[in-house]
């Protein structure tokens, strides 16, 4: 797996898993500004198989992607405890990693995670809304970028468009569409990502009130499994919550890191 790392090898590891079907830039784009002001962490940003610069190989299911992530953890971190951050589909895999390695994961942060089901038609989702916009912003965009941006963007401003172009658009062109289609046929993990034992370490679940992709209601049902979870639903935020509400995102992430630090010490 293609892996981008920042920080000293001796620092606390933070593994960040991106959503579907983008790449590590979605995670590094929102986390690096936070960690540059908060030293002491080693950040690991992989591209999942079939996305970014990681070939799909024979991957044909979410089980295969989970196995690839667990193999990466074993190879790079061994038994070293680490923090885990997952966005959207990456949150689905992150919950499964926590089930597989409950004593190694120091804390879990989920950003706009998939809730109880991957099936798009079965999700409880609000209708798409645009709550902030800048006149003329979309005039010079090519058709493909305009379609991708307006499909999810609740806040359509120069700042959100710039980050969308930096953190999302390049990855979309790299995705192996044949592999994506193949994996989606076996998208659900064989074992549910949340195991029989609650995860009792600091957790953060961030949802967008206007997230028309995964919603926010299904995620509330995850709370019994995460007794140390802060659950926040942010207004004026869709599936790109970290781009549309960066200040609130950073505040809540800092609180999560503070809780993880206190617990780990």
C-alpha atoms as a PDB file:
ATOM      1  CA  UNK A   1       0.000   0.000   0.000  1.00  0.00           C
ATOM      2  CA  UNK A   2       1.182   3.501  -0.820  1.00  0.00           C
ATOM      3  CA  UNK A   3       1.834   5.233   2.496  1.00  0.00           C
ATOM      4  CA  UNK A   4       2.626   8.865   3.293  1.00  0.00           C
ATOM      5  CA  UNK A   5       4.042   9.534   6.755  1.00  0.00           C
ATOM      6  CA  UNK A   6       4.858  12.647   8.766  1.00  0.00           C
ATOM      7  CA  UNK A   7       6.463  12.962  12.185  1.00  0.00           C
ATOM      8  CA  UNK A   8       9.113  11.116  14.159  1.00  0.00           C
ATOM      9  CA  UNK A   9       9.109   7.329  14.278  1.00  0.00           C
ATOM     10  CA  UNK A  10       9.134   7.494  18.076  1.00  0.00           C
ATOM     11  CA  UNK A  11       5.991   9.672  18.287  1.00  0.00           C
ATOM     12  CA  UNK A  12       2.471   8.383  18.960  1.00  0.00           C
ATOM     13  CA  UNK A  13       1.174   6.876  15.692  1.00  0.00           C
ATOM     14  CA  UNK A  14      -2.053   8.120  14.119  1.00  0.00           C
ATOM     15  CA  UNK A  15      -3.435   5.981  11.299  1.00  0.00           C
ATOM     16  CA  UNK A  16      -5.939   7.767   9.048  1.00  0.00           C
ATOM     17  CA  UNK A  17      -8.194   5.883   6.598  1.00  0.00           C
ATOM     18  CA  UNK A  18      -9.850   7.829   3.807  1.00  0.00           C
ATOM     19  CA  UNK A  19     -13.278   7.422   2.241  1.00  0.00           C
ATOM     20  CA  UNK A  20     -14.572   6.051  -1.046  1.00  0.00           C
ATOM     21  CA  UNK A  21     -13.134   6.313  -3.690  1.00  0.00           C
ATOM     22  CA  UNK A  22     -10.554   9.016  -2.944  1.00  0.00           C
ATOM     23  CA  UNK A  23      -7.061   8.790  -1.396  1.00  0.00           C
ATOM     24  CA  UNK A  24      -4.878   9.870   1.534  1.00  0.00           C
ATOM     25  CA  UNK A  25      -5.080  13.566   0.631  1.00  0.00           C
ATOM     26  CA  UNK A  26      -8.602  13.723   2.040  1.00  0.00           C
ATOM     27  CA  UNK A  27      -7.141  12.885   5.444  1.00  0.00           C
ATOM     28  CA  UNK A  28      -3.819  14.705   5.323  1.00  0.00           C
ATOM     29  CA  UNK A  29      -5.606  17.827   4.104  1.00  0.00           C
ATOM     30  CA  UNK A  30      -7.687  18.117   7.260  1.00  0.00           C
ATOM     31  CA  UNK A  31      -5.315  16.569   9.798  1.00  0.00           C
ATOM     32  CA  UNK A  32      -1.945  18.081   8.940  1.00  0.00           C
ATOM     33  CA  UNK A  33      -2.991  21.645   9.863  1.00  0.00           C
ATOM     34  CA  UNK A  34      -4.040  20.249  13.241  1.00  0.00           C
ATOM     35  CA  UNK A  35      -0.892  18.234  13.883  1.00  0.00           C
ATOM     36  CA  UNK A  36       1.518  20.924  12.715  1.00  0.00           C
ATOM     37  CA  UNK A  37       0.267  22.883  15.721  1.00  0.00           C
ATOM     38  CA  UNK A  38       0.284  19.800  17.935  1.00  0.00           C
ATOM     39  CA  UNK A  39       3.627  17.965  17.878  1.00  0.00           C
ATOM     40  CA  UNK A  40       4.291  14.508  19.226  1.00  0.00           C
ATOM     41  CA  UNK A  41       2.394  12.412  16.669  1.00  0.00           C
ATOM     42  CA  UNK A  42       3.478  10.240  13.758  1.00  0.00           C
ATOM     43  CA  UNK A  43       0.818  10.443  11.054  1.00  0.00           C
ATOM     44  CA  UNK A  44       0.285   7.565   8.631  1.00  0.00           C
ATOM     45  CA  UNK A  45      -1.821   8.137   5.529  1.00  0.00           C
ATOM     46  CA  UNK A  46      -2.282   5.067   3.292  1.00  0.00           C
ATOM     47  CA  UNK A  47      -4.110   4.825  -0.005  1.00  0.00           C
ATOM     48  CA  UNK A  48      -6.583   1.953   0.162  1.00  0.00           C
ATOM     49  CA  UNK A  49      -6.324  -0.724  -2.569  1.00  0.00           C
ATOM     50  CA  UNK A  50      -7.735   0.457  -5.881  1.00  0.00           C
ATOM     51  CA  UNK A  51      -7.474   4.101  -4.840  1.00  0.00           C
ATOM     52  CA  UNK A  52      -4.730   6.680  -5.066  1.00  0.00           C
ATOM     53  CA  UNK A  53      -1.370   5.071  -5.790  1.00  0.00           C
ATOM     54  CA  UNK A  54      -2.179   1.645  -4.329  1.00  0.00           C
ATOM     55  CA  UNK A  55      -2.997  -0.971  -6.992  1.00  0.00           C
ATOM     56  CA  UNK A  56      -6.145  -2.970  -6.410  1.00  0.00           C
ATOM     57  CA  UNK A  57      -4.413  -6.257  -7.076  1.00  0.00           C
ATOM     58  CA  UNK A  58      -6.819  -9.103  -6.434  1.00  0.00           C
ATOM     59  CA  UNK A  59      -8.923  -7.129  -3.942  1.00  0.00           C
ATOM     60  CA  UNK A  60     -12.568  -8.018  -4.509  1.00  0.00           C
ATOM     61  CA  UNK A  61     -14.335  -7.173  -1.235  1.00  0.00           C
ATOM     62  CA  UNK A  62     -14.265  -5.054   1.883  1.00  0.00           C
ATOM     63  CA  UNK A  63     -12.852  -8.098   3.656  1.00  0.00           C
ATOM     64  CA  UNK A  64      -9.835  -7.827   1.345  1.00  0.00           C
ATOM     65  CA  UNK A  65      -9.402  -4.117   2.085  1.00  0.00           C
ATOM     66  CA  UNK A  66      -9.624  -4.733   5.813  1.00  0.00           C
ATOM     67  CA  UNK A  67      -7.018  -7.496   5.509  1.00  0.00           C
ATOM     68  CA  UNK A  68      -4.738  -5.093   3.630  1.00  0.00           C
ATOM     69  CA  UNK A  69      -5.067  -2.488   6.390  1.00  0.00           C
ATOM     70  CA  UNK A  70      -4.363  -5.048   9.126  1.00  0.00           C
ATOM     71  CA  UNK A  71      -1.328  -6.264   7.196  1.00  0.00           C
ATOM     72  CA  UNK A  72      -0.082  -2.680   6.922  1.00  0.00           C
ATOM     73  CA  UNK A  73      -0.514  -2.159  10.667  1.00  0.00           C
ATOM     74  CA  UNK A  74       1.425  -5.330  11.444  1.00  0.00           C
ATOM     75  CA  UNK A  75       4.225  -4.389   9.050  1.00  0.00           C
ATOM     76  CA  UNK A  76       4.595  -0.735  10.030  1.00  0.00           C
ATOM     77  CA  UNK A  77       3.472  -0.598  13.662  1.00  0.00           C
ATOM     78  CA  UNK A  78       3.749  -4.140  14.935  1.00  0.00           C
ATOM     79  CA  UNK A  79       2.159  -4.142  18.385  1.00  0.00           C
ATOM     80  CA  UNK A  80       2.683  -0.416  19.027  1.00  0.00           C
ATOM     81  CA  UNK A  81      -0.516   1.264  20.287  1.00  0.00           C
ATOM     82  CA  UNK A  82      -1.948   3.849  17.899  1.00  0.00           C
ATOM     83  CA  UNK A  83      -4.781   6.307  17.335  1.00  0.00           C
ATOM     84  CA  UNK A  84      -7.218   5.662  14.507  1.00  0.00           C
ATOM     85  CA  UNK A  85      -9.128   8.157  12.349  1.00  0.00           C
ATOM     86  CA  UNK A  86     -11.576   7.105   9.627  1.00  0.00           C
ATOM     87  CA  UNK A  87     -13.697   9.116   7.214  1.00  0.00           C
ATOM     88  CA  UNK A  88     -16.908   7.802   5.598  1.00  0.00           C
ATOM     89  CA  UNK A  89     -16.095   4.288   4.292  1.00  0.00           C
ATOM     90  CA  UNK A  90     -12.767   4.617   6.062  1.00  0.00           C
ATOM     91  CA  UNK A  91     -14.787   4.896   9.257  1.00  0.00           C
ATOM     92  CA  UNK A  92     -16.466   1.585   8.448  1.00  0.00           C
ATOM     93  CA  UNK A  93     -13.068  -0.075   8.103  1.00  0.00           C
ATOM     94  CA  UNK A  94     -11.782   1.727  11.205  1.00  0.00           C
ATOM     95  CA  UNK A  95     -14.552   0.263  13.331  1.00  0.00           C
ATOM     96  CA  UNK A  96     -13.537  -3.186  12.065  1.00  0.00           C
ATOM     97  CA  UNK A  97      -9.874  -2.491  12.856  1.00  0.00           C
ATOM     98  CA  UNK A  98     -10.925  -1.542  16.381  1.00  0.00           C
ATOM     99  CA  UNK A  99     -12.813  -4.829  16.665  1.00  0.00           C
ATOM    100  CA  UNK A 100      -9.735  -6.744  15.485  1.00  0.00           C
ATOM    101  CA  UNK A 101      -7.228  -4.819  17.645  1.00  0.00           C
ATOM    102  CA  UNK A 102      -9.207  -3.484  20.627  1.00  0.00           C
ATOM    103  CA  UNK A 103      -6.205  -3.340  22.964  1.00  0.00           C
ATOM    104  CA  UNK A 104      -3.916  -1.657  20.430  1.00  0.00           C
ATOM    105  CA  UNK A 105      -6.222   1.192  19.369  1.00  0.00           C
ATOM    106  CA  UNK A 106      -5.844   4.028  21.902  1.00  0.00           C
ATOM    107  CA  UNK A 107      -8.783   6.022  20.543  1.00  0.00           C
ATOM    108  CA  UNK A 108     -11.093   6.214  17.551  1.00  0.00           C
ATOM    109  CA  UNK A 109     -12.292   9.269  15.586  1.00  0.00           C
ATOM    110  CA  UNK A 110     -14.959   8.896  12.902  1.00  0.00           C
ATOM    111  CA  UNK A 111     -15.592  11.725  10.426  1.00  0.00           C
ATOM    112  CA  UNK A 112     -18.899  11.547   8.538  1.00  0.00           C
ATOM    113  CA  UNK A 113     -18.834   7.767   8.976  1.00  0.00           C
ATOM    114  CA  UNK A 114     -21.122   5.282   7.317  1.00  0.00           C
ATOM    115  CA  UNK A 115     -23.708   4.247   9.889  1.00  0.00           C
ATOM    116  CA  UNK A 116     -25.402   0.903  10.286  1.00  0.00           C
ATOM    117  CA  UNK A 117     -25.451   0.028   6.584  1.00  0.00           C
ATOM    118  CA  UNK A 118     -23.336   0.569   3.494  1.00  0.00           C
ATOM    119  CA  UNK A 119     -26.409   0.296   1.254  1.00  0.00           C
ATOM    120  CA  UNK A 120     -26.941   3.821  -0.044  1.00  0.00           C
ATOM    121  CA  UNK A 121     -30.674   3.359  -0.569  1.00  0.00           C
ATOM    122  CA  UNK A 122     -31.157   2.104   2.994  1.00  0.00           C
ATOM    123  CA  UNK A 123     -29.442   5.031   4.709  1.00  0.00           C
ATOM    124  CA  UNK A 124     -31.484   7.691   6.506  1.00  0.00           C
ATOM    125  CA  UNK A 125     -30.313  10.862   4.765  1.00  0.00           C
ATOM    126  CA  UNK A 126     -31.534  14.445   4.601  1.00  0.00           C
ATOM    127  CA  UNK A 127     -32.079  16.036   1.193  1.00  0.00           C
ATOM    128  CA  UNK A 128     -29.181  17.945  -0.286  1.00  0.00           C
ATOM    129  CA  UNK A 129     -29.089  21.628   0.665  1.00  0.00           C
ATOM    130  CA  UNK A 130     -26.808  24.528  -0.174  1.00  0.00           C
ATOM    131  CA  UNK A 131     -26.687  26.923   2.780  1.00  0.00           C
ATOM    132  CA  UNK A 132     -23.794  29.182   1.794  1.00  0.00           C
ATOM    133  CA  UNK A 133     -22.757  30.115  -1.703  1.00  0.00           C
ATOM    134  CA  UNK A 134     -20.630  32.635  -3.559  1.00  0.00           C
ATOM    135  CA  UNK A 135     -22.128  34.082  -6.770  1.00  0.00           C
ATOM    136  CA  UNK A 136     -20.211  33.095  -9.878  1.00  0.00           C
ATOM    137  CA  UNK A 137     -18.116  30.487  -8.064  1.00  0.00           C
ATOM    138  CA  UNK A 138     -19.064  27.668 -10.401  1.00  0.00           C
ATOM    139  CA  UNK A 139     -18.924  29.594 -13.668  1.00  0.00           C
ATOM    140  CA  UNK A 140     -15.401  28.600 -14.708  1.00  0.00           C
ATOM    141  CA  UNK A 141     -15.449  24.974 -13.542  1.00  0.00           C
ATOM    142  CA  UNK A 142     -15.372  22.092 -15.982  1.00  0.00           C
ATOM    143  CA  UNK A 143     -18.518  19.994 -16.057  1.00  0.00           C
ATOM    144  CA  UNK A 144     -17.026  17.031 -14.173  1.00  0.00           C
ATOM    145  CA  UNK A 145     -15.636  19.098 -11.292  1.00  0.00           C
ATOM    146  CA  UNK A 146     -18.819  21.147 -11.044  1.00  0.00           C
ATOM    147  CA  UNK A 147     -20.943  18.001 -10.851  1.00  0.00           C
ATOM    148  CA  UNK A 148     -18.768  16.392  -8.168  1.00  0.00           C
ATOM    149  CA  UNK A 149     -18.582  19.557  -6.081  1.00  0.00           C
ATOM    150  CA  UNK A 150     -22.251  20.568  -6.134  1.00  0.00           C
ATOM    151  CA  UNK A 151     -23.418  17.009  -5.511  1.00  0.00           C
ATOM    152  CA  UNK A 152     -22.275  17.182  -1.871  1.00  0.00           C
ATOM    153  CA  UNK A 153     -21.209  20.743  -1.074  1.00  0.00           C
ATOM    154  CA  UNK A 154     -23.371  22.509   1.506  1.00  0.00           C
ATOM    155  CA  UNK A 155     -20.931  25.421   1.707  1.00  0.00           C
ATOM    156  CA  UNK A 156     -19.955  26.607  -1.777  1.00  0.00           C
ATOM    157  CA  UNK A 157     -17.271  29.231  -1.264  1.00  0.00           C
ATOM    158  CA  UNK A 158     -13.783  29.846  -2.711  1.00  0.00           C
ATOM    159  CA  UNK A 159     -12.228  28.259   0.395  1.00  0.00           C
ATOM    160  CA  UNK A 160     -14.248  25.038   0.203  1.00  0.00           C
ATOM    161  CA  UNK A 161     -13.791  24.794  -3.564  1.00  0.00           C
ATOM    162  CA  UNK A 162     -10.017  25.245  -3.233  1.00  0.00           C
ATOM    163  CA  UNK A 163      -9.777  22.445  -0.693  1.00  0.00           C
ATOM    164  CA  UNK A 164     -12.094  20.240  -2.747  1.00  0.00           C
ATOM    165  CA  UNK A 165      -9.797  20.733  -5.735  1.00  0.00           C
ATOM    166  CA  UNK A 166      -6.724  19.942  -3.629  1.00  0.00           C
ATOM    167  CA  UNK A 167      -7.995  17.073  -1.475  1.00  0.00           C
ATOM    168  CA  UNK A 168     -10.678  15.312  -3.519  1.00  0.00           C
ATOM    169  CA  UNK A 169     -10.514  15.965  -7.262  1.00  0.00           C
ATOM    170  CA  UNK A 170      -7.024  14.536  -7.976  1.00  0.00           C
ATOM    171  CA  UNK A 171      -7.909  11.265  -6.259  1.00  0.00           C
ATOM    172  CA  UNK A 172     -11.087  10.758  -8.249  1.00  0.00           C
ATOM    173  CA  UNK A 173      -9.056  10.555 -11.438  1.00  0.00           C
ATOM    174  CA  UNK A 174      -6.762   7.896  -9.944  1.00  0.00           C
ATOM    175  CA  UNK A 175      -9.432   5.501  -8.701  1.00  0.00           C
ATOM    176  CA  UNK A 176      -9.515   2.096 -10.423  1.00  0.00           C
ATOM    177  CA  UNK A 177     -13.147   2.119 -11.482  1.00  0.00           C
ATOM    178  CA  UNK A 178     -13.218  -1.570 -12.425  1.00  0.00           C
ATOM    179  CA  UNK A 179     -11.887  -2.491  -8.991  1.00  0.00           C
ATOM    180  CA  UNK A 180     -14.320  -0.117  -7.283  1.00  0.00           C
ATOM    181  CA  UNK A 181     -17.229  -1.788  -9.058  1.00  0.00           C
ATOM    182  CA  UNK A 182     -15.872  -5.257  -8.217  1.00  0.00           C
ATOM    183  CA  UNK A 183     -15.406  -4.470  -4.526  1.00  0.00           C
ATOM    184  CA  UNK A 184     -18.823  -2.846  -4.203  1.00  0.00           C
ATOM    185  CA  UNK A 185     -20.419  -6.155  -5.177  1.00  0.00           C
ATOM    186  CA  UNK A 186     -19.044  -7.530  -1.867  1.00  0.00           C
ATOM    187  CA  UNK A 187     -19.008  -4.253   0.012  1.00  0.00           C
ATOM    188  CA  UNK A 188     -20.244  -5.469   3.375  1.00  0.00           C
ATOM    189  CA  UNK A 189     -17.736  -7.040   5.721  1.00  0.00           C
ATOM    190  CA  UNK A 190     -18.404 -10.690   6.525  1.00  0.00           C
ATOM    191  CA  UNK A 191     -18.336  -9.797  10.230  1.00  0.00           C
ATOM    192  CA  UNK A 192     -20.084  -6.640  11.416  1.00  0.00           C
ATOM    193  CA  UNK A 193     -17.480  -3.945  12.168  1.00  0.00           C
ATOM    194  CA  UNK A 194     -18.668  -3.514  15.752  1.00  0.00           C
ATOM    195  CA  UNK A 195     -17.922  -6.589  17.820  1.00  0.00           C
ATOM    196  CA  UNK A 196     -19.778  -7.983  20.820  1.00  0.00           C
ATOM    197  CA  UNK A 197     -17.633  -6.043  23.314  1.00  0.00           C
ATOM    198  CA  UNK A 198     -18.035  -2.238  23.531  1.00  0.00           C
ATOM    199  CA  UNK A 199     -14.972  -0.156  22.737  1.00  0.00           C
ATOM    200  CA  UNK A 200     -14.352   1.740  25.964  1.00  0.00           C
ATOM    201  CA  UNK A 201     -11.642   4.165  24.874  1.00  0.00           C
ATOM    202  CA  UNK A 202     -12.082   7.821  23.812  1.00  0.00           C
ATOM    203  CA  UNK A 203     -14.131   8.081  20.647  1.00  0.00           C
ATOM    204  CA  UNK A 204     -15.368  10.929  18.484  1.00  0.00           C
ATOM    205  CA  UNK A 205     -18.223  10.647  15.996  1.00  0.00           C
ATOM    206  CA  UNK A 206     -18.620  13.738  13.786  1.00  0.00           C
ATOM    207  CA  UNK A 207     -21.621  14.076  11.476  1.00  0.00           C
ATOM    208  CA  UNK A 208     -22.955  16.788   9.199  1.00  0.00           C
ATOM    209  CA  UNK A 209     -26.559  17.895   9.751  1.00  0.00           C
ATOM    210  CA  UNK A 210     -26.956  18.343   5.984  1.00  0.00           C
ATOM    211  CA  UNK A 211     -24.932  15.254   4.968  1.00  0.00           C
ATOM    212  CA  UNK A 212     -26.946  13.863   2.055  1.00  0.00           C
ATOM    213  CA  UNK A 213     -24.488  11.000   1.539  1.00  0.00           C
ATOM    214  CA  UNK A 214     -24.458   9.121   4.859  1.00  0.00           C
ATOM    215  CA  UNK A 215     -26.729  11.297   7.028  1.00  0.00           C
ATOM    216  CA  UNK A 216     -26.451  11.520  10.801  1.00  0.00           C
ATOM    217  CA  UNK A 217     -29.342   9.479  12.250  1.00  0.00           C
ATOM    218  CA  UNK A 218     -27.926   6.016  11.541  1.00  0.00           C
ATOM    219  CA  UNK A 219     -24.721   6.927  13.344  1.00  0.00           C
ATOM    220  CA  UNK A 220     -26.577   7.685  16.576  1.00  0.00           C
ATOM    221  CA  UNK A 221     -27.327   3.973  16.805  1.00  0.00           C
ATOM    222  CA  UNK A 222     -23.590   3.311  17.160  1.00  0.00           C
ATOM    223  CA  UNK A 223     -23.389   5.006  20.562  1.00  0.00           C
ATOM    224  CA  UNK A 224     -24.092   1.979  22.786  1.00  0.00           C
ATOM    225  CA  UNK A 225     -20.976   0.328  21.385  1.00  0.00           C
ATOM    226  CA  UNK A 226     -18.828   3.401  22.145  1.00  0.00           C
ATOM    227  CA  UNK A 227     -19.480   4.419  25.786  1.00  0.00           C
ATOM    228  CA  UNK A 228     -16.651   7.007  25.692  1.00  0.00           C
ATOM    229  CA  UNK A 229     -17.940   8.707  22.539  1.00  0.00           C
ATOM    230  CA  UNK A 230     -18.575  12.368  21.923  1.00  0.00           C
ATOM    231  CA  UNK A 231     -21.306  12.506  19.268  1.00  0.00           C
ATOM    232  CA  UNK A 232     -21.576  15.822  17.413  1.00  0.00           C
ATOM    233  CA  UNK A 233     -23.862  16.807  14.553  1.00  0.00           C
ATOM    234  CA  UNK A 234     -22.684  20.069  12.990  1.00  0.00           C
ATOM    235  CA  UNK A 235     -25.039  22.457  11.251  1.00  0.00           C
ATOM    236  CA  UNK A 236     -24.012  23.952   7.902  1.00  0.00           C
ATOM    237  CA  UNK A 237     -22.005  20.829   7.147  1.00  0.00           C
ATOM    238  CA  UNK A 238     -22.407  18.026   4.675  1.00  0.00           C
ATOM    239  CA  UNK A 239     -20.250  15.036   3.780  1.00  0.00           C
ATOM    240  CA  UNK A 240     -17.215  17.322   3.532  1.00  0.00           C
ATOM    241  CA  UNK A 241     -17.675  18.453   7.128  1.00  0.00           C
ATOM    242  CA  UNK A 242     -13.945  18.863   7.729  1.00  0.00           C
ATOM    243  CA  UNK A 243     -13.773  21.322   4.831  1.00  0.00           C
ATOM    244  CA  UNK A 244     -16.994  23.193   5.573  1.00  0.00           C
ATOM    245  CA  UNK A 245     -16.590  23.590   9.347  1.00  0.00           C
ATOM    246  CA  UNK A 246     -12.790  23.537   9.842  1.00  0.00           C
ATOM    247  CA  UNK A 247     -12.745  25.462  13.133  1.00  0.00           C
ATOM    248  CA  UNK A 248     -15.302  23.221  14.837  1.00  0.00           C
ATOM    249  CA  UNK A 249     -13.626  20.178  13.333  1.00  0.00           C
ATOM    250  CA  UNK A 250     -10.264  21.149  14.805  1.00  0.00           C
ATOM    251  CA  UNK A 251     -11.761  21.996  18.209  1.00  0.00           C
ATOM    252  CA  UNK A 252     -13.492  18.635  18.510  1.00  0.00           C
ATOM    253  CA  UNK A 253     -10.457  16.746  17.235  1.00  0.00           C
ATOM    254  CA  UNK A 254      -8.276  18.525  19.797  1.00  0.00           C
ATOM    255  CA  UNK A 255     -10.694  17.540  22.540  1.00  0.00           C
ATOM    256  CA  UNK A 256     -10.532  13.925  21.371  1.00  0.00           C
ATOM    257  CA  UNK A 257      -6.736  13.987  21.351  1.00  0.00           C
ATOM    258  CA  UNK A 258      -6.743  15.492  24.850  1.00  0.00           C
ATOM    259  CA  UNK A 259      -9.008  12.675  26.066  1.00  0.00           C
ATOM    260  CA  UNK A 260      -6.811  10.053  24.402  1.00  0.00           C
ATOM    261  CA  UNK A 261      -3.678  11.547  25.957  1.00  0.00           C
ATOM    262  CA  UNK A 262      -5.229  11.559  29.409  1.00  0.00           C
ATOM    263  CA  UNK A 263      -6.398   7.958  29.018  1.00  0.00           C
ATOM    264  CA  UNK A 264      -3.101   6.672  27.649  1.00  0.00           C
ATOM    265  CA  UNK A 265      -1.128   8.196  30.509  1.00  0.00           C
END
